[in-house]
């Protein structure tokens, strides 16, 4: 999770714990692969990880793909703020995959082409 996204989440929900951020490409001399390895090494192996990246098959996402075989590791790409907020607000019922899939479905519904959505809503109002 990028620190800017976490800042936005914390502005809305307040401070979060057990969250680590990775800011890629801030400094040219920093090795992304090493950044990811260092971050993952900080998290105990028995802990569950939900890694959130911006672009599927992008460089950051590809670095995290290396950890898909790690137990309790979940990788999401194409994140947006509603998705991240939904994940933080979700009650974990012990089925993290279900929680993630629900949050993804909700997030997809939040993506709208407003011109069409508003026009359709206005047309529906006229029909009554």
N, C-alpha and C. Protein backbone atom coordinates (compact mmCIF):
# COMPACT_ATOMS: atom_id res chain seq x y z
N UNK A 1 0.86 -1.17 0.00
CA UNK A 1 0.00 0.00 0.00
C UNK A 1 0.90 1.23 0.00
N UNK A 2 0.60 2.15 -0.88
CA UNK A 2 1.38 3.39 -0.94
C UNK A 2 1.00 4.29 0.24
N UNK A 3 1.95 5.06 0.72
CA UNK A 3 1.71 5.90 1.89
C UNK A 3 0.63 6.95 1.64
N UNK A 4 0.52 7.46 0.42
CA UNK A 4 -0.52 8.45 0.12
C UNK A 4 -1.91 7.87 0.28
N UNK A 5 -2.09 6.62 -0.11
CA UNK A 5 -3.40 5.96 0.05
C UNK A 5 -3.68 5.77 1.54
N UNK A 6 -2.69 5.33 2.29
CA UNK A 6 -2.87 5.17 3.73
C UNK A 6 -3.21 6.50 4.39
N UNK A 7 -2.56 7.58 3.98
CA UNK A 7 -2.88 8.90 4.53
C UNK A 7 -4.34 9.24 4.30
N UNK A 8 -4.85 8.96 3.12
CA UNK A 8 -6.26 9.23 2.81
C UNK A 8 -7.19 8.38 3.67
N UNK A 9 -6.85 7.11 3.81
CA UNK A 9 -7.66 6.21 4.65
C UNK A 9 -7.68 6.72 6.08
N UNK A 10 -6.53 7.10 6.61
CA UNK A 10 -6.46 7.56 8.00
C UNK A 10 -7.15 8.89 8.20
N UNK A 11 -7.23 9.71 7.18
CA UNK A 11 -7.99 10.95 7.26
C UNK A 11 -9.47 10.65 7.47
N UNK A 12 -9.94 9.58 6.85
CA UNK A 12 -11.35 9.20 6.92
C UNK A 12 -11.64 8.32 8.13
N UNK A 13 -10.79 7.32 8.37
CA UNK A 13 -11.07 6.31 9.40
C UNK A 13 -10.26 6.47 10.68
N UNK A 14 -9.26 7.33 10.67
CA UNK A 14 -8.37 7.43 11.82
C UNK A 14 -7.17 6.53 11.64
N UNK A 15 -6.25 6.62 12.59
CA UNK A 15 -5.00 5.86 12.52
C UNK A 15 -5.27 4.37 12.43
N UNK A 16 -4.44 3.69 11.67
CA UNK A 16 -4.52 2.24 11.48
C UNK A 16 -3.27 1.60 12.08
N UNK A 17 -3.42 0.39 12.56
CA UNK A 17 -2.26 -0.35 13.06
C UNK A 17 -2.02 -1.56 12.16
N UNK A 18 -0.86 -2.13 12.29
CA UNK A 18 -0.49 -3.30 11.50
C UNK A 18 -0.59 -3.07 10.00
N UNK A 19 -0.18 -1.88 9.58
CA UNK A 19 -0.19 -1.53 8.16
C UNK A 19 1.21 -1.06 7.80
N UNK A 20 1.74 -1.60 6.73
CA UNK A 20 3.05 -1.19 6.23
C UNK A 20 2.87 -0.62 4.84
N UNK A 21 3.65 0.39 4.54
CA UNK A 21 3.58 1.01 3.22
C UNK A 21 4.89 0.84 2.47
N UNK A 22 4.78 0.93 1.17
CA UNK A 22 5.95 0.87 0.31
C UNK A 22 5.79 1.97 -0.73
N UNK A 23 6.75 2.84 -0.80
CA UNK A 23 6.73 3.92 -1.80
C UNK A 23 7.82 3.63 -2.82
N UNK A 24 7.41 3.13 -3.95
CA UNK A 24 8.37 2.75 -4.99
C UNK A 24 8.76 3.96 -5.83
N UNK A 25 9.96 3.91 -6.33
CA UNK A 25 10.48 4.89 -7.29
C UNK A 25 10.58 6.30 -6.75
N UNK A 26 10.69 6.44 -5.44
CA UNK A 26 10.90 7.75 -4.84
C UNK A 26 12.36 8.15 -5.01
N UNK A 27 13.24 7.17 -4.89
CA UNK A 27 14.67 7.39 -5.08
C UNK A 27 15.17 6.42 -6.14
N UNK A 28 15.91 6.92 -7.10
CA UNK A 28 16.40 6.08 -8.20
C UNK A 28 17.31 4.96 -7.73
N UNK A 29 18.07 5.19 -6.69
CA UNK A 29 19.07 4.22 -6.26
C UNK A 29 18.48 3.06 -5.45
N UNK A 30 17.21 3.12 -5.11
CA UNK A 30 16.59 2.08 -4.28
C UNK A 30 16.13 0.92 -5.16
N UNK A 31 16.51 -0.28 -4.76
CA UNK A 31 16.15 -1.50 -5.48
C UNK A 31 14.76 -1.96 -5.03
N UNK A 32 13.80 -1.99 -5.94
CA UNK A 32 12.42 -2.34 -5.62
C UNK A 32 12.32 -3.75 -5.05
N UNK A 33 13.01 -4.68 -5.65
CA UNK A 33 12.98 -6.06 -5.18
C UNK A 33 13.44 -6.15 -3.73
N UNK A 34 14.49 -5.43 -3.41
CA UNK A 34 15.00 -5.42 -2.03
C UNK A 34 14.01 -4.72 -1.10
N UNK A 35 13.37 -3.66 -1.56
CA UNK A 35 12.36 -2.97 -0.75
C UNK A 35 11.24 -3.93 -0.36
N UNK A 36 10.75 -4.70 -1.34
CA UNK A 36 9.67 -5.65 -1.08
C UNK A 36 10.15 -6.74 -0.14
N UNK A 37 11.32 -7.29 -0.39
CA UNK A 37 11.86 -8.34 0.48
C UNK A 37 12.01 -7.86 1.92
N UNK A 38 12.50 -6.65 2.10
CA UNK A 38 12.67 -6.07 3.44
C UNK A 38 11.32 -5.90 4.13
N UNK A 39 10.34 -5.43 3.39
CA UNK A 39 9.01 -5.24 3.95
C UNK A 39 8.40 -6.58 4.39
N UNK A 40 8.44 -7.56 3.52
CA UNK A 40 7.87 -8.88 3.84
C UNK A 40 8.61 -9.52 5.02
N UNK A 41 9.91 -9.33 5.09
CA UNK A 41 10.71 -9.92 6.19
C UNK A 41 10.32 -9.35 7.55
N UNK A 42 9.76 -8.14 7.57
CA UNK A 42 9.34 -7.51 8.84
C UNK A 42 8.07 -8.15 9.40
N UNK A 43 7.34 -8.88 8.58
CA UNK A 43 6.05 -9.42 8.98
C UNK A 43 6.23 -10.89 9.36
N UNK A 44 5.82 -11.27 10.58
CA UNK A 44 5.98 -12.66 11.01
C UNK A 44 5.31 -13.63 10.03
N UNK A 45 5.93 -14.77 9.77
CA UNK A 45 5.42 -15.73 8.78
C UNK A 45 4.01 -16.22 9.07
N UNK A 46 3.62 -16.23 10.33
CA UNK A 46 2.28 -16.71 10.67
C UNK A 46 1.20 -15.64 10.46
N UNK A 47 1.61 -14.40 10.26
CA UNK A 47 0.64 -13.32 10.06
C UNK A 47 0.09 -13.33 8.64
N UNK A 48 -1.15 -12.93 8.54
CA UNK A 48 -1.79 -12.81 7.23
C UNK A 48 -1.38 -11.49 6.59
N UNK A 49 -1.15 -11.52 5.28
CA UNK A 49 -0.76 -10.33 4.53
C UNK A 49 -1.75 -10.11 3.40
N UNK A 50 -2.25 -8.89 3.31
CA UNK A 50 -3.02 -8.47 2.14
C UNK A 50 -2.20 -7.35 1.51
N UNK A 51 -1.56 -7.65 0.39
CA UNK A 51 -0.73 -6.67 -0.32
C UNK A 51 -1.58 -6.01 -1.40
N UNK A 52 -1.57 -4.69 -1.42
CA UNK A 52 -2.37 -3.91 -2.36
C UNK A 52 -1.45 -3.15 -3.29
N UNK A 53 -1.61 -3.37 -4.59
CA UNK A 53 -0.77 -2.69 -5.58
C UNK A 53 -1.65 -1.95 -6.58
N UNK A 54 -1.04 -1.03 -7.30
CA UNK A 54 -1.82 -0.20 -8.21
C UNK A 54 -2.14 -0.89 -9.53
N UNK A 55 -1.16 -1.43 -10.22
CA UNK A 55 -1.36 -1.92 -11.58
C UNK A 55 -1.05 -3.41 -11.67
N UNK A 56 -2.01 -4.19 -12.16
CA UNK A 56 -1.79 -5.61 -12.38
C UNK A 56 -0.66 -5.79 -13.39
N UNK A 57 0.29 -6.64 -13.05
CA UNK A 57 1.46 -6.93 -13.88
C UNK A 57 2.42 -5.75 -13.98
N UNK A 58 2.19 -4.72 -13.16
CA UNK A 58 3.16 -3.62 -13.08
C UNK A 58 4.35 -4.08 -12.25
N UNK A 59 5.38 -3.27 -12.21
CA UNK A 59 6.61 -3.68 -11.55
C UNK A 59 6.43 -3.98 -10.06
N UNK A 60 5.66 -3.17 -9.36
CA UNK A 60 5.44 -3.41 -7.93
C UNK A 60 4.64 -4.70 -7.74
N UNK A 61 3.59 -4.85 -8.51
CA UNK A 61 2.77 -6.06 -8.44
C UNK A 61 3.62 -7.30 -8.73
N UNK A 62 4.45 -7.22 -9.74
CA UNK A 62 5.30 -8.36 -10.10
C UNK A 62 6.25 -8.74 -8.98
N UNK A 63 6.74 -7.77 -8.24
CA UNK A 63 7.62 -8.09 -7.11
C UNK A 63 6.86 -8.85 -6.03
N UNK A 64 5.62 -8.49 -5.80
CA UNK A 64 4.83 -9.19 -4.78
C UNK A 64 4.35 -10.56 -5.26
N UNK A 65 4.22 -10.75 -6.56
CA UNK A 65 3.82 -12.05 -7.11
C UNK A 65 4.76 -13.14 -6.62
N UNK A 66 6.00 -12.80 -6.39
CA UNK A 66 6.98 -13.78 -5.90
C UNK A 66 6.57 -14.41 -4.57
N UNK A 67 5.66 -13.77 -3.86
CA UNK A 67 5.25 -14.26 -2.53
C UNK A 67 3.91 -14.98 -2.54
N UNK A 68 3.35 -15.24 -3.70
CA UNK A 68 2.05 -15.90 -3.76
C UNK A 68 2.06 -17.28 -3.11
N UNK A 69 3.20 -17.92 -3.06
CA UNK A 69 3.27 -19.25 -2.44
C UNK A 69 3.35 -19.17 -0.91
N UNK A 70 3.56 -17.98 -0.38
CA UNK A 70 3.61 -17.81 1.08
C UNK A 70 2.22 -18.03 1.65
N UNK A 71 2.14 -18.80 2.71
CA UNK A 71 0.85 -19.05 3.35
C UNK A 71 0.27 -17.74 3.88
N UNK A 72 -1.03 -17.59 3.77
CA UNK A 72 -1.75 -16.41 4.26
C UNK A 72 -1.34 -15.12 3.55
N UNK A 73 -0.97 -15.23 2.28
CA UNK A 73 -0.59 -14.05 1.49
C UNK A 73 -1.64 -13.83 0.42
N UNK A 74 -2.15 -12.61 0.36
CA UNK A 74 -3.17 -12.24 -0.63
C UNK A 74 -2.66 -11.00 -1.37
N UNK A 75 -2.77 -11.02 -2.69
CA UNK A 75 -2.28 -9.91 -3.50
C UNK A 75 -3.41 -9.36 -4.35
N UNK A 76 -3.65 -8.06 -4.22
CA UNK A 76 -4.67 -7.38 -5.01
C UNK A 76 -4.01 -6.31 -5.87
N UNK A 77 -4.52 -6.13 -7.06
CA UNK A 77 -4.01 -5.10 -7.97
C UNK A 77 -5.17 -4.25 -8.46
N UNK A 78 -4.85 -3.03 -8.84
CA UNK A 78 -5.88 -2.11 -9.35
C UNK A 78 -6.68 -1.48 -8.23
N UNK A 79 -6.03 -1.20 -7.13
CA UNK A 79 -6.75 -0.70 -5.95
C UNK A 79 -7.28 0.71 -6.16
N UNK A 80 -8.30 1.01 -5.39
CA UNK A 80 -8.82 2.37 -5.31
C UNK A 80 -9.20 2.63 -3.85
N UNK A 81 -9.44 3.87 -3.51
CA UNK A 81 -9.69 4.24 -2.12
C UNK A 81 -10.92 3.54 -1.53
N UNK A 82 -12.06 3.45 -2.24
CA UNK A 82 -13.19 2.72 -1.66
C UNK A 82 -12.86 1.27 -1.32
N UNK A 83 -12.06 0.62 -2.15
CA UNK A 83 -11.67 -0.76 -1.86
C UNK A 83 -10.86 -0.84 -0.58
N UNK A 84 -9.89 0.03 -0.44
CA UNK A 84 -9.03 0.00 0.75
C UNK A 84 -9.85 0.30 2.00
N UNK A 85 -10.73 1.27 1.93
CA UNK A 85 -11.59 1.59 3.08
C UNK A 85 -12.47 0.40 3.42
N UNK A 86 -13.05 -0.23 2.41
CA UNK A 86 -13.91 -1.39 2.62
C UNK A 86 -13.13 -2.51 3.31
N UNK A 87 -11.91 -2.75 2.88
CA UNK A 87 -11.10 -3.80 3.50
C UNK A 87 -10.81 -3.48 4.97
N UNK A 88 -10.50 -2.23 5.26
CA UNK A 88 -10.24 -1.85 6.65
C UNK A 88 -11.49 -1.95 7.52
N UNK A 89 -12.64 -1.68 6.95
CA UNK A 89 -13.88 -1.69 7.73
C UNK A 89 -14.51 -3.07 7.83
N UNK A 90 -14.07 -4.01 7.01
CA UNK A 90 -14.66 -5.34 6.99
C UNK A 90 -14.34 -6.10 8.27
N UNK A 91 -15.33 -6.81 8.73
CA UNK A 91 -15.13 -7.72 9.85
C UNK A 91 -14.54 -9.00 9.28
N UNK A 92 -13.41 -9.43 9.80
CA UNK A 92 -12.81 -10.66 9.31
C UNK A 92 -13.47 -11.83 10.03
N UNK A 93 -14.23 -12.60 9.27
CA UNK A 93 -14.93 -13.75 9.83
C UNK A 93 -14.08 -15.01 9.76
N UNK A 94 -12.79 -14.84 9.51
CA UNK A 94 -11.91 -15.99 9.39
C UNK A 94 -11.73 -16.45 7.95
N UNK A 95 -12.53 -15.89 7.05
CA UNK A 95 -12.42 -16.24 5.63
C UNK A 95 -11.97 -15.00 4.86
N UNK A 96 -10.68 -14.78 4.87
CA UNK A 96 -10.13 -13.57 4.25
C UNK A 96 -10.43 -13.52 2.76
N UNK A 97 -10.38 -14.66 2.09
CA UNK A 97 -10.68 -14.68 0.65
C UNK A 97 -12.08 -14.16 0.39
N UNK A 98 -13.05 -14.58 1.19
CA UNK A 98 -14.42 -14.11 1.03
C UNK A 98 -14.51 -12.61 1.29
N UNK A 99 -13.84 -12.15 2.33
CA UNK A 99 -13.82 -10.72 2.65
C UNK A 99 -13.25 -9.92 1.49
N UNK A 100 -12.16 -10.41 0.91
CA UNK A 100 -11.53 -9.72 -0.23
C UNK A 100 -12.46 -9.72 -1.43
N UNK A 101 -13.06 -10.85 -1.74
CA UNK A 101 -13.94 -10.93 -2.92
C UNK A 101 -15.15 -10.01 -2.76
N UNK A 102 -15.70 -9.92 -1.57
CA UNK A 102 -16.82 -9.01 -1.31
C UNK A 102 -16.39 -7.56 -1.49
N UNK A 103 -15.24 -7.21 -0.94
CA UNK A 103 -14.74 -5.84 -1.08
C UNK A 103 -14.45 -5.50 -2.53
N UNK A 104 -13.91 -6.45 -3.29
CA UNK A 104 -13.65 -6.22 -4.72
C UNK A 104 -14.95 -5.97 -5.48
N UNK A 105 -15.97 -6.77 -5.20
CA UNK A 105 -17.26 -6.60 -5.88
C UNK A 105 -17.86 -5.24 -5.55
N UNK A 106 -17.81 -4.86 -4.29
CA UNK A 106 -18.34 -3.55 -3.88
C UNK A 106 -17.56 -2.42 -4.55
N UNK A 107 -16.25 -2.57 -4.62
CA UNK A 107 -15.40 -1.54 -5.21
C UNK A 107 -15.72 -1.35 -6.69
N UNK A 108 -15.95 -2.45 -7.38
CA UNK A 108 -16.26 -2.37 -8.82
C UNK A 108 -17.57 -1.62 -9.04
N UNK A 109 -18.52 -1.78 -8.13
CA UNK A 109 -19.79 -1.07 -8.25
C UNK A 109 -19.62 0.43 -8.05
N UNK A 110 -18.60 0.84 -7.33
CA UNK A 110 -18.35 2.26 -7.08
C UNK A 110 -17.74 2.98 -8.26
N UNK A 111 -17.24 2.23 -9.23
CA UNK A 111 -16.65 2.85 -10.42
C UNK A 111 -17.78 3.16 -11.39
N UNK A 112 -17.98 4.42 -11.65
CA UNK A 112 -19.11 4.87 -12.46
C UNK A 112 -18.68 5.85 -13.54
N UNK A 113 -19.36 5.77 -14.67
CA UNK A 113 -19.27 6.82 -15.68
C UNK A 113 -20.42 7.76 -15.35
N UNK A 114 -20.11 8.84 -14.67
CA UNK A 114 -21.13 9.71 -14.09
C UNK A 114 -22.08 10.29 -15.14
N UNK A 115 -21.58 10.63 -16.32
CA UNK A 115 -22.46 11.17 -17.36
C UNK A 115 -23.63 10.23 -17.60
N UNK A 116 -23.32 8.95 -17.77
CA UNK A 116 -24.36 7.96 -18.06
C UNK A 116 -25.23 7.69 -16.82
N UNK A 117 -24.61 7.55 -15.67
CA UNK A 117 -25.36 7.25 -14.45
C UNK A 117 -26.35 8.36 -14.11
N UNK A 118 -25.89 9.60 -14.16
CA UNK A 118 -26.75 10.74 -13.83
C UNK A 118 -27.85 10.90 -14.87
N UNK A 119 -27.50 10.78 -16.14
CA UNK A 119 -28.50 10.90 -17.21
C UNK A 119 -29.56 9.83 -17.07
N UNK A 120 -29.15 8.60 -16.78
CA UNK A 120 -30.11 7.51 -16.59
C UNK A 120 -31.01 7.77 -15.40
N UNK A 121 -30.44 8.26 -14.31
CA UNK A 121 -31.23 8.56 -13.11
C UNK A 121 -32.23 9.67 -13.39
N UNK A 122 -31.79 10.70 -14.13
CA UNK A 122 -32.69 11.81 -14.46
C UNK A 122 -33.81 11.33 -15.37
N UNK A 123 -33.50 10.44 -16.30
CA UNK A 123 -34.51 9.90 -17.20
C UNK A 123 -35.52 9.07 -16.42
N UNK A 124 -35.04 8.29 -15.46
CA UNK A 124 -35.93 7.48 -14.63
C UNK A 124 -36.87 8.37 -13.83
N UNK A 125 -36.36 9.50 -13.32
CA UNK A 125 -37.20 10.44 -12.57
C UNK A 125 -38.29 11.02 -13.46
N UNK A 126 -37.98 11.28 -14.73
CA UNK A 126 -38.97 11.83 -15.66
C UNK A 126 -40.07 10.82 -15.98
N UNK A 127 -39.72 9.53 -15.92
CA UNK A 127 -40.68 8.48 -16.26
C UNK A 127 -41.75 8.30 -15.19
N UNK A 128 -41.54 8.89 -14.01
CA UNK A 128 -42.54 8.73 -12.94
C UNK A 128 -43.55 9.82 -12.98
